[in-house]
Amino acid sequence: MKKLKMNKIINTGTQDCFFHADAQGRVYIGKGLKDDITITIYDPSGDVRDFKVKEPIAYSDIQLFQQCADGYVFVYYESHEPKAKVFSEEGRVKSAFHLPSGVSCCLLDEKQNLWIGLSDEGIYDDENSNGQSVLCFTLDGQLKETHIDQQLSEIYAPVVDDCYSLAEKDGLIYMLYYSYTVIAAFDDTVVRRVWILSDKEPDSEAFYQLAISEEGFLVGTFNCYSEELESSLYLISADVSQEMEEITCCDSNGEALDIQQLKLTSNAVYAVASSGIYKQDIQ
């Protein structure tokens, strides 16, 4: 089994928290009770700042919190309804809009577009008459025309039944989805390539993270039956012809970490463990 040695970057308790990291190296940790959540932002420069979430939600309802060009993007569930808000740096609401039902993953790209991937609940919802699986919004809530699902159909790629994860690399958006196990790469309007994987997720595990590296595709999984069981990391070869290879995340001494959460970005792997947060850059 391959090992990935990682460096501890934050020495803090991480149990029961929202966790996110972005391509600029910022780390976001949300803690607290309903109506009283604080998201702490750790900047690579060493700067640490807090943002108070005043919505009546729990940390587990947060889908995304990330710094954007001049504020913060916040995607969350409130009373089972997915919503998005964009805040100024001072915390003023600049825009707020509803999202389609069944949001399963989201991505703020380098062009400051918000991509939303839908689960089967959202794809087959009566209000989603076109059966779209991935949508792109501007930060003022305008839906952009993308037609990704239509293009997948035109090239006879497998239909999207459930969007697991979205990632970005070198200007392209990558979507890991179910109907077999498929990765599609596209820009704002054109599907560039599709890979149909020979593997499916391991028994009792589900995909939820994706990153692209020189070696191939990195995917993170979580246990379907218990949140207390560890997340896992796998490598899929670039030509997707080989079996998935499990990767053990270790500290700098080579000791395996008890991974609570994984976060994959375009340039790093982050692991949340009981002893802190660890990071390893990827190419």
C-alpha atoms as a PDB file:
ATOM      1  CA  MET A   1       0.000   0.000   0.000  1.00  0.00           C
ATOM      2  CA  LYS A   2       1.362   3.392  -0.978  1.00  0.00           C
ATOM      3  CA  LYS A   3       2.115   5.939   1.773  1.00  0.00           C
ATOM      4  CA  LEU A   4       1.679   9.699   1.603  1.00  0.00           C
ATOM      5  CA  LYS A   5       3.769  11.545   4.172  1.00  0.00           C
ATOM      6  CA  MET A   6       2.086  14.762   5.268  1.00  0.00           C
ATOM      7  CA  ASN A   7       3.143  17.771   7.323  1.00  0.00           C
ATOM      8  CA  LYS A   8       1.097  19.101  10.215  1.00  0.00           C
ATOM      9  CA  ILE A   9       0.020  22.675   9.459  1.00  0.00           C
ATOM     10  CA  ILE A  10      -2.521  23.347  12.226  1.00  0.00           C
ATOM     11  CA  ASN A  11      -2.335  21.960  15.737  1.00  0.00           C
ATOM     12  CA  THR A  12      -5.907  22.235  16.908  1.00  0.00           C
ATOM     13  CA  GLY A  13      -8.793  19.996  17.899  1.00  0.00           C
ATOM     14  CA  THR A  14     -10.904  19.166  14.864  1.00  0.00           C
ATOM     15  CA  GLN A  15     -13.652  16.878  16.117  1.00  0.00           C
ATOM     16  CA  ASP A  16     -17.181  17.856  15.058  1.00  0.00           C
ATOM     17  CA  CYS A  17     -16.371  20.668  12.665  1.00  0.00           C
ATOM     18  CA  PHE A  18     -16.864  21.961   9.140  1.00  0.00           C
ATOM     19  CA  PHE A  19     -13.609  21.745   7.192  1.00  0.00           C
ATOM     20  CA  HIS A  20     -12.586  23.211   3.862  1.00  0.00           C
ATOM     21  CA  ALA A  21      -9.406  24.288   2.055  1.00  0.00           C
ATOM     22  CA  ASP A  22      -8.925  26.210  -1.177  1.00  0.00           C
ATOM     23  CA  ALA A  23      -6.339  26.301  -3.955  1.00  0.00           C
ATOM     24  CA  GLN A  24      -4.691  29.379  -2.402  1.00  0.00           C
ATOM     25  CA  GLY A  25      -3.801  27.351   0.696  1.00  0.00           C
ATOM     26  CA  ARG A  26      -6.396  28.866   3.010  1.00  0.00           C
ATOM     27  CA  VAL A  27      -7.996  26.522   5.536  1.00  0.00           C
ATOM     28  CA  TYR A  28     -11.494  27.005   6.974  1.00  0.00           C
ATOM     29  CA  ILE A  29     -12.699  25.382  10.213  1.00  0.00           C
ATOM     30  CA  GLY A  30     -16.276  25.912  11.416  1.00  0.00           C
ATOM     31  CA  LYS A  31     -17.256  25.070  14.982  1.00  0.00           C
ATOM     32  CA  GLY A  32     -20.101  25.802  17.346  1.00  0.00           C
ATOM     33  CA  LEU A  33     -23.737  25.076  17.984  1.00  0.00           C
ATOM     34  CA  LYS A  34     -26.784  25.992  15.954  1.00  0.00           C
ATOM     35  CA  ASP A  35     -27.170  29.790  15.611  1.00  0.00           C
ATOM     36  CA  ASP A  36     -23.643  30.255  16.962  1.00  0.00           C
ATOM     37  CA  ILE A  37     -21.025  28.981  14.484  1.00  0.00           C
ATOM     38  CA  THR A  38     -17.641  30.595  14.049  1.00  0.00           C
ATOM     39  CA  ILE A  39     -15.595  29.868  10.935  1.00  0.00           C
ATOM     40  CA  THR A  40     -11.890  30.418  11.511  1.00  0.00           C
ATOM     41  CA  ILE A  41      -9.852  31.173   8.404  1.00  0.00           C
ATOM     42  CA  TYR A  42      -6.163  30.248   8.445  1.00  0.00           C
ATOM     43  CA  ASP A  43      -4.178  32.085   5.768  1.00  0.00           C
ATOM     44  CA  PRO A  44      -0.808  30.736   4.525  1.00  0.00           C
ATOM     45  CA  SER A  45       0.697  34.094   5.540  1.00  0.00           C
ATOM     46  CA  GLY A  46      -0.024  33.212   9.171  1.00  0.00           C
ATOM     47  CA  ASP A  47      -3.018  35.529   9.474  1.00  0.00           C
ATOM     48  CA  VAL A  48      -5.984  34.019  11.367  1.00  0.00           C
ATOM     49  CA  ARG A  49      -9.440  35.605  11.377  1.00  0.00           C
ATOM     50  CA  ASP A  50     -12.962  34.627  12.406  1.00  0.00           C
ATOM     51  CA  PHE A  51     -16.285  34.933  10.607  1.00  0.00           C
ATOM     52  CA  LYS A  52     -19.552  34.577  12.531  1.00  0.00           C
ATOM     53  CA  VAL A  53     -22.346  32.608  10.871  1.00  0.00           C
ATOM     54  CA  LYS A  54     -25.697  33.975  11.998  1.00  0.00           C
ATOM     55  CA  GLU A  55     -27.944  31.526  10.150  1.00  0.00           C
ATOM     56  CA  PRO A  56     -30.082  29.022  12.155  1.00  0.00           C
ATOM     57  CA  ILE A  57     -28.021  26.047  11.001  1.00  0.00           C
ATOM     58  CA  ALA A  58     -25.561  23.487  12.355  1.00  0.00           C
ATOM     59  CA  TYR A  59     -21.975  23.133  11.104  1.00  0.00           C
ATOM     60  CA  SER A  60     -23.003  19.931   9.306  1.00  0.00           C
ATOM     61  CA  ASP A  61     -25.418  21.974   7.142  1.00  0.00           C
ATOM     62  CA  ILE A  62     -22.539  23.924   5.563  1.00  0.00           C
ATOM     63  CA  GLN A  63     -21.629  22.833   2.034  1.00  0.00           C
ATOM     64  CA  LEU A  64     -19.064  25.521   1.263  1.00  0.00           C
ATOM     65  CA  PHE A  65     -17.482  28.544   2.863  1.00  0.00           C
ATOM     66  CA  GLN A  66     -14.669  30.117   0.874  1.00  0.00           C
ATOM     67  CA  GLN A  67     -13.056  33.469   0.313  1.00  0.00           C
ATOM     68  CA  CYS A  68     -13.752  35.002  -3.094  1.00  0.00           C
ATOM     69  CA  ALA A  69     -12.367  38.075  -4.838  1.00  0.00           C
ATOM     70  CA  ASP A  70     -13.902  40.596  -2.432  1.00  0.00           C
ATOM     71  CA  GLY A  71     -15.700  38.614   0.250  1.00  0.00           C
ATOM     72  CA  TYR A  72     -16.924  35.131   1.063  1.00  0.00           C
ATOM     73  CA  VAL A  73     -19.146  32.562  -0.643  1.00  0.00           C
ATOM     74  CA  PHE A  74     -21.403  30.555   1.662  1.00  0.00           C
ATOM     75  CA  VAL A  75     -23.470  27.531   0.547  1.00  0.00           C
ATOM     76  CA  TYR A  76     -25.636  25.795   3.122  1.00  0.00           C
ATOM     77  CA  TYR A  77     -28.820  23.922   3.865  1.00  0.00           C
ATOM     78  CA  GLU A  78     -31.536  25.607   5.911  1.00  0.00           C
ATOM     79  CA  SER A  79     -34.607  23.490   6.710  1.00  0.00           C
ATOM     80  CA  HIS A  80     -33.506  21.049   3.979  1.00  0.00           C
ATOM     81  CA  GLU A  81     -33.363  23.836   1.377  1.00  0.00           C
ATOM     82  CA  PRO A  82     -29.991  24.647  -0.262  1.00  0.00           C
ATOM     83  CA  LYS A  83     -29.119  28.328  -0.336  1.00  0.00           C
ATOM     84  CA  ALA A  84     -26.179  30.541  -1.242  1.00  0.00           C
ATOM     85  CA  LYS A  85     -25.028  33.886   0.109  1.00  0.00           C
ATOM     86  CA  VAL A  86     -22.142  36.103  -0.813  1.00  0.00           C
ATOM     87  CA  PHE A  87     -20.777  38.331   1.950  1.00  0.00           C
ATOM     88  CA  SER A  88     -18.500  41.324   1.841  1.00  0.00           C
ATOM     89  CA  GLU A  89     -15.311  41.097   3.889  1.00  0.00           C
ATOM     90  CA  GLU A  90     -17.142  43.050   6.623  1.00  0.00           C
ATOM     91  CA  GLY A  91     -19.992  40.515   6.704  1.00  0.00           C
ATOM     92  CA  ARG A  92     -22.602  42.456   4.735  1.00  0.00           C
ATOM     93  CA  VAL A  93     -24.819  40.308   2.483  1.00  0.00           C
ATOM     94  CA  LYS A  94     -24.072  41.240  -1.133  1.00  0.00           C
ATOM     95  CA  SER A  95     -26.315  38.608  -2.749  1.00  0.00           C
ATOM     96  CA  ALA A  96     -28.508  35.700  -1.677  1.00  0.00           C
ATOM     97  CA  PHE A  97     -30.213  33.082  -3.833  1.00  0.00           C
ATOM     98  CA  HIS A  98     -31.837  29.671  -3.667  1.00  0.00           C
ATOM     99  CA  LEU A  99     -30.248  26.626  -5.261  1.00  0.00           C
ATOM    100  CA  PRO A 100     -31.924  23.558  -6.781  1.00  0.00           C
ATOM    101  CA  SER A 101     -32.802  20.719  -4.450  1.00  0.00           C
ATOM    102  CA  GLY A 102     -30.336  17.885  -3.987  1.00  0.00           C
ATOM    103  CA  VAL A 103     -27.062  19.834  -3.910  1.00  0.00           C
ATOM    104  CA  SER A 104     -24.357  17.225  -3.296  1.00  0.00           C
ATOM    105  CA  CYS A 105     -21.155  19.183  -3.993  1.00  0.00           C
ATOM    106  CA  CYS A 106     -19.994  22.619  -5.037  1.00  0.00           C
ATOM    107  CA  LEU A 107     -16.918  24.382  -6.360  1.00  0.00           C
ATOM    108  CA  LEU A 108     -15.871  28.021  -6.593  1.00  0.00           C
ATOM    109  CA  ASP A 109     -13.686  28.174  -9.694  1.00  0.00           C
ATOM    110  CA  GLU A 110     -10.830  30.530 -10.509  1.00  0.00           C
ATOM    111  CA  LYS A 111     -13.182  32.667 -12.644  1.00  0.00           C
ATOM    112  CA  GLN A 112     -15.399  33.208  -9.570  1.00  0.00           C
ATOM    113  CA  ASN A 113     -18.221  30.999 -10.829  1.00  0.00           C
ATOM    114  CA  LEU A 114     -20.094  28.757  -8.411  1.00  0.00           C
ATOM    115  CA  TRP A 115     -20.534  25.218  -9.777  1.00  0.00           C
ATOM    116  CA  ILE A 116     -23.203  23.021  -8.189  1.00  0.00           C
ATOM    117  CA  GLY A 117     -23.405  19.229  -8.560  1.00  0.00           C
ATOM    118  CA  LEU A 118     -26.677  17.464  -7.858  1.00  0.00           C
ATOM    119  CA  SER A 119     -27.525  14.102  -6.348  1.00  0.00           C
ATOM    120  CA  ASP A 120     -30.149  11.817  -7.868  1.00  0.00           C
ATOM    121  CA  GLU A 121     -32.739  13.632  -5.738  1.00  0.00           C
ATOM    122  CA  GLY A 122     -31.995  16.900  -7.546  1.00  0.00           C
ATOM    123  CA  ILE A 123     -31.404  15.446 -11.018  1.00  0.00           C
ATOM    124  CA  TYR A 124     -34.778  13.682 -11.066  1.00  0.00           C
ATOM    125  CA  ASP A 125     -36.704  16.376  -9.207  1.00  0.00           C
ATOM    126  CA  ASP A 126     -39.891  17.505 -10.965  1.00  0.00           C
ATOM    127  CA  GLU A 127     -38.646  21.104 -10.989  1.00  0.00           C
ATOM    128  CA  ASN A 128     -35.503  20.067 -12.879  1.00  0.00           C
ATOM    129  CA  SER A 129     -37.300  19.488 -16.170  1.00  0.00           C
ATOM    130  CA  ASN A 130     -34.058  19.242 -18.171  1.00  0.00           C
ATOM    131  CA  GLY A 131     -32.513  16.713 -15.803  1.00  0.00           C
ATOM    132  CA  GLN A 132     -29.367  18.801 -15.350  1.00  0.00           C
ATOM    133  CA  SER A 133     -26.743  17.346 -13.033  1.00  0.00           C
ATOM    134  CA  VAL A 134     -24.298  20.256 -12.866  1.00  0.00           C
ATOM    135  CA  LEU A 135     -25.091  23.961 -12.952  1.00  0.00           C
ATOM    136  CA  CYS A 136     -23.009  27.120 -12.972  1.00  0.00           C
ATOM    137  CA  PHE A 137     -24.002  30.343 -11.192  1.00  0.00           C
ATOM    138  CA  THR A 138     -22.474  33.787 -11.107  1.00  0.00           C
ATOM    139  CA  LEU A 139     -21.997  35.175  -7.608  1.00  0.00           C
ATOM    140  CA  ASP A 140     -25.034  37.409  -8.029  1.00  0.00           C
ATOM    141  CA  GLY A 141     -27.186  34.310  -8.532  1.00  0.00           C
ATOM    142  CA  GLN A 142     -27.510  34.248 -12.321  1.00  0.00           C
ATOM    143  CA  LEU A 143     -27.629  30.777 -13.872  1.00  0.00           C
ATOM    144  CA  LYS A 144     -25.209  30.435 -16.791  1.00  0.00           C
ATOM    145  CA  GLU A 145     -25.954  28.308 -19.843  1.00  0.00           C
ATOM    146  CA  THR A 146     -23.641  25.302 -19.929  1.00  0.00           C
ATOM    147  CA  HIS A 147     -25.506  22.298 -21.465  1.00  0.00           C
ATOM    148  CA  ILE A 148     -22.972  19.821 -20.040  1.00  0.00           C
ATOM    149  CA  ASP A 149     -25.515  16.998 -19.737  1.00  0.00           C
ATOM    150  CA  GLN A 150     -26.703  17.518 -23.292  1.00  0.00           C
ATOM    151  CA  GLN A 151     -23.126  17.298 -24.576  1.00  0.00           C
ATOM    152  CA  LEU A 152     -22.448  14.133 -22.568  1.00  0.00           C
ATOM    153  CA  SER A 153     -25.495  12.601 -24.231  1.00  0.00           C
ATOM    154  CA  GLU A 154     -24.361  13.691 -27.702  1.00  0.00           C
ATOM    155  CA  ILE A 155     -21.007  11.902 -27.317  1.00  0.00           C
ATOM    156  CA  TYR A 156     -22.738   8.805 -25.857  1.00  0.00           C
ATOM    157  CA  ALA A 157     -21.124   9.172 -22.435  1.00  0.00           C
ATOM    158  CA  PRO A 158     -22.929   7.545 -19.489  1.00  0.00           C
ATOM    159  CA  VAL A 159     -25.818   9.598 -18.136  1.00  0.00           C
ATOM    160  CA  VAL A 160     -25.222  11.337 -14.805  1.00  0.00           C
ATOM    161  CA  ASP A 161     -27.331   9.750 -12.064  1.00  0.00           C
ATOM    162  CA  ASP A 162     -25.473  11.246  -9.095  1.00  0.00           C
ATOM    163  CA  CYS A 163     -22.697  13.861  -8.985  1.00  0.00           C
ATOM    164  CA  TYR A 164     -20.100  12.877  -6.384  1.00  0.00           C
ATOM    165  CA  SER A 165     -17.515  15.643  -6.611  1.00  0.00           C
ATOM    166  CA  LEU A 166     -16.276  18.626  -8.609  1.00  0.00           C
ATOM    167  CA  ALA A 167     -12.658  19.702  -9.038  1.00  0.00           C
ATOM    168  CA  GLU A 168     -10.657  22.192 -11.076  1.00  0.00           C
ATOM    169  CA  LYS A 169      -7.274  21.881 -12.773  1.00  0.00           C
ATOM    170  CA  ASP A 170      -5.629  24.076 -15.415  1.00  0.00           C
ATOM    171  CA  GLY A 171      -8.834  25.850 -16.377  1.00  0.00           C
ATOM    172  CA  LEU A 172     -11.014  22.746 -16.688  1.00  0.00           C
ATOM    173  CA  ILE A 173     -13.778  21.528 -14.378  1.00  0.00           C
ATOM    174  CA  TYR A 174     -13.756  17.807 -13.559  1.00  0.00           C
ATOM    175  CA  MET A 175     -16.878  15.958 -12.418  1.00  0.00           C
ATOM    176  CA  LEU A 176     -16.804  12.542 -10.763  1.00  0.00           C
ATOM    177  CA  TYR A 177     -20.201  10.928 -11.151  1.00  0.00           C
ATOM    178  CA  TYR A 178     -22.210   7.749 -10.913  1.00  0.00           C
ATOM    179  CA  SER A 179     -23.602   5.674 -13.744  1.00  0.00           C
ATOM    180  CA  TYR A 180     -20.756   3.257 -13.741  1.00  0.00           C
ATOM    181  CA  THR A 181     -17.981   5.460 -12.327  1.00  0.00           C
ATOM    182  CA  VAL A 182     -17.119   8.293 -14.696  1.00  0.00           C
ATOM    183  CA  ILE A 183     -14.967  11.421 -14.752  1.00  0.00           C
ATOM    184  CA  ALA A 184     -15.830  14.167 -17.243  1.00  0.00           C
ATOM    185  CA  ALA A 185     -13.690  17.242 -17.973  1.00  0.00           C
ATOM    186  CA  PHE A 186     -15.240  20.417 -19.380  1.00  0.00           C
ATOM    187  CA  ASP A 187     -14.972  24.181 -19.496  1.00  0.00           C
ATOM    188  CA  ASP A 188     -17.858  26.637 -19.351  1.00  0.00           C
ATOM    189  CA  THR A 189     -19.494  25.244 -22.461  1.00  0.00           C
ATOM    190  CA  VAL A 190     -17.664  22.246 -23.947  1.00  0.00           C
ATOM    191  CA  VAL A 191     -17.032  18.696 -22.703  1.00  0.00           C
ATOM    192  CA  ARG A 192     -13.360  18.019 -23.436  1.00  0.00           C
ATOM    193  CA  ARG A 193     -12.902  14.404 -22.349  1.00  0.00           C
ATOM    194  CA  VAL A 194     -14.602  11.535 -20.508  1.00  0.00           C
ATOM    195  CA  TRP A 195     -12.972   8.656 -18.635  1.00  0.00           C
ATOM    196  CA  ILE A 196     -15.008   5.542 -17.758  1.00  0.00           C
ATOM    197  CA  LEU A 197     -13.368   3.871 -14.783  1.00  0.00           C
ATOM    198  CA  SER A 198     -12.974   0.139 -14.520  1.00  0.00           C
ATOM    199  CA  ASP A 199     -13.437   0.327 -10.748  1.00  0.00           C
ATOM    200  CA  LYS A 200     -16.356   1.321  -8.594  1.00  0.00           C
ATOM    201  CA  GLU A 201     -16.097   2.654  -5.067  1.00  0.00           C
ATOM    202  CA  PRO A 202     -15.070   0.043  -2.457  1.00  0.00           C
ATOM    203  CA  ASP A 203     -17.843  -1.767  -0.595  1.00  0.00           C
ATOM    204  CA  SER A 204     -19.511   0.367   2.103  1.00  0.00           C
ATOM    205  CA  GLU A 205     -17.665   3.491   0.871  1.00  0.00           C
ATOM    206  CA  ALA A 206     -18.808   6.422  -1.279  1.00  0.00           C
ATOM    207  CA  PHE A 207     -16.773   8.895  -3.319  1.00  0.00           C
ATOM    208  CA  TYR A 208     -16.893  12.515  -2.194  1.00  0.00           C
ATOM    209  CA  GLN A 209     -13.560  14.147  -3.136  1.00  0.00           C
ATOM    210  CA  LEU A 210     -11.612  14.443  -6.398  1.00  0.00           C
ATOM    211  CA  ALA A 211      -8.281  15.940  -7.449  1.00  0.00           C
ATOM    212  CA  ILE A 212      -6.103  15.634 -10.534  1.00  0.00           C
ATOM    213  CA  SER A 213      -2.372  14.987 -10.252  1.00  0.00           C
ATOM    214  CA  GLU A 214       0.478  14.010 -12.569  1.00  0.00           C
ATOM    215  CA  GLU A 215      -0.023  10.378 -11.534  1.00  0.00           C
ATOM    216  CA  GLY A 216      -3.738  10.341 -12.248  1.00  0.00           C
ATOM    217  CA  PHE A 217      -6.908  10.963 -10.262  1.00  0.00           C
ATOM    218  CA  LEU A 218      -6.995  11.139  -6.469  1.00  0.00           C
ATOM    219  CA  VAL A 219     -10.362  10.278  -4.933  1.00  0.00           C
ATOM    220  CA  GLY A 220     -11.510  10.454  -1.339  1.00  0.00           C
ATOM    221  CA  THR A 221     -14.204   8.252   0.160  1.00  0.00           C
ATOM    222  CA  PHE A 222     -16.255   8.172   3.327  1.00  0.00           C
ATOM    223  CA  ASN A 223     -17.922   5.229   5.028  1.00  0.00           C
ATOM    224  CA  CYS A 224     -21.602   4.958   4.147  1.00  0.00           C
ATOM    225  CA  TYR A 225     -22.591   3.339   7.426  1.00  0.00           C
ATOM    226  CA  SER A 226     -20.774   5.301  10.100  1.00  0.00           C
ATOM    227  CA  GLU A 227     -19.298   8.797  10.254  1.00  0.00           C
ATOM    228  CA  GLU A 228     -17.007   7.489  12.995  1.00  0.00           C
ATOM    229  CA  LEU A 229     -15.115   5.260  10.544  1.00  0.00           C
ATOM    230  CA  GLU A 230     -12.135   6.746   8.745  1.00  0.00           C
ATOM    231  CA  SER A 231     -12.130   8.352   5.309  1.00  0.00           C
ATOM    232  CA  SER A 232      -9.897   6.751   2.684  1.00  0.00           C
ATOM    233  CA  LEU A 233      -7.746   8.029  -0.177  1.00  0.00           C
ATOM    234  CA  TYR A 234      -7.205   6.218  -3.503  1.00  0.00           C
ATOM    235  CA  LEU A 235      -5.189   6.794  -6.670  1.00  0.00           C
ATOM    236  CA  ILE A 236      -6.661   5.998 -10.086  1.00  0.00           C
ATOM    237  CA  SER A 237      -4.087   5.792 -12.898  1.00  0.00           C
ATOM    238  CA  ALA A 238      -4.217   8.481 -15.577  1.00  0.00           C
ATOM    239  CA  ASP A 239      -5.336   5.990 -18.233  1.00  0.00           C
ATOM    240  CA  VAL A 240      -7.846   4.441 -15.729  1.00  0.00           C
ATOM    241  CA  SER A 241      -6.789   0.945 -16.834  1.00  0.00           C
ATOM    242  CA  GLN A 242      -5.331  -0.173 -13.511  1.00  0.00           C
ATOM    243  CA  GLU A 243      -7.078  -1.025 -10.260  1.00  0.00           C
ATOM    244  CA  MET A 244      -7.472   1.740  -7.726  1.00  0.00           C
ATOM    245  CA  GLU A 245      -4.549   1.907  -5.313  1.00  0.00           C
ATOM    246  CA  GLU A 246      -5.260   2.776  -1.691  1.00  0.00           C
ATOM    247  CA  ILE A 247      -3.008   5.423  -0.159  1.00  0.00           C
ATOM    248  CA  THR A 248      -2.260   5.597   3.559  1.00  0.00           C
ATOM    249  CA  CYS A 249      -1.970   9.153   4.830  1.00  0.00           C
ATOM    250  CA  CYS A 250       0.862   9.364   7.368  1.00  0.00           C
ATOM    251  CA  ASP A 251       2.540  12.009   9.499  1.00  0.00           C
ATOM    252  CA  SER A 252       6.107  13.098   8.783  1.00  0.00           C
ATOM    253  CA  ASN A 253       7.397  10.085  10.747  1.00  0.00           C
ATOM    254  CA  GLY A 254       5.464   7.632   8.576  1.00  0.00           C
ATOM    255  CA  GLU A 255       2.830   6.823  11.212  1.00  0.00           C
ATOM    256  CA  ALA A 256      -0.676   6.317   9.804  1.00  0.00           C
ATOM    257  CA  LEU A 257      -3.167   9.089  10.603  1.00  0.00           C
ATOM    258  CA  ASP A 258      -6.685   8.488  11.918  1.00  0.00           C
ATOM    259  CA  ILE A 259      -8.396  10.450   9.165  1.00  0.00           C
ATOM    260  CA  GLN A 260     -11.690  12.093  10.080  1.00  0.00           C
ATOM    261  CA  GLN A 261     -12.054  14.145   6.902  1.00  0.00           C
ATOM    262  CA  LEU A 262     -10.208  14.585   3.619  1.00  0.00           C
ATOM    263  CA  LYS A 263     -10.098  17.645   1.409  1.00  0.00           C
ATOM    264  CA  LEU A 264      -8.499  17.576  -2.036  1.00  0.00           C
ATOM    265  CA  THR A 265      -7.694  20.777  -3.931  1.00  0.00           C
ATOM    266  CA  SER A 266      -5.982  21.365  -7.271  1.00  0.00           C
ATOM    267  CA  ASN A 267      -2.583  21.412  -5.598  1.00  0.00           C
ATOM    268  CA  ALA A 268      -2.773  19.659  -2.219  1.00  0.00           C
ATOM    269  CA  VAL A 269      -4.207  16.876  -0.095  1.00  0.00           C
ATOM    270  CA  TYR A 270      -5.480  17.854   3.355  1.00  0.00           C
ATOM    271  CA  ALA A 271      -6.280  15.384   6.121  1.00  0.00           C
ATOM    272  CA  VAL A 272      -8.152  16.144   9.319  1.00  0.00           C
ATOM    273  CA  ALA A 273      -6.989  13.875  12.157  1.00  0.00           C
ATOM    274  CA  SER A 274      -7.442  13.865  15.918  1.00  0.00           C
ATOM    275  CA  SER A 275      -3.961  15.368  16.316  1.00  0.00           C
ATOM    276  CA  GLY A 276      -4.501  18.267  13.919  1.00  0.00           C
ATOM    277  CA  ILE A 277      -4.610  19.127  10.230  1.00  0.00           C
ATOM    278  CA  TYR A 278      -2.040  17.790   7.780  1.00  0.00           C
ATOM    279  CA  LYS A 279      -1.134  18.784   4.238  1.00  0.00           C
ATOM    280  CA  GLN A 280       0.878  17.452   1.306  1.00  0.00           C
ATOM    281  CA  ASP A 281       1.303  19.286  -1.983  1.00  0.00           C
ATOM    282  CA  ILE A 282       0.540  17.512  -5.252  1.00  0.00           C
ATOM    283  CA  GLN A 283       1.580  18.322  -8.819  1.00  0.00           C
END
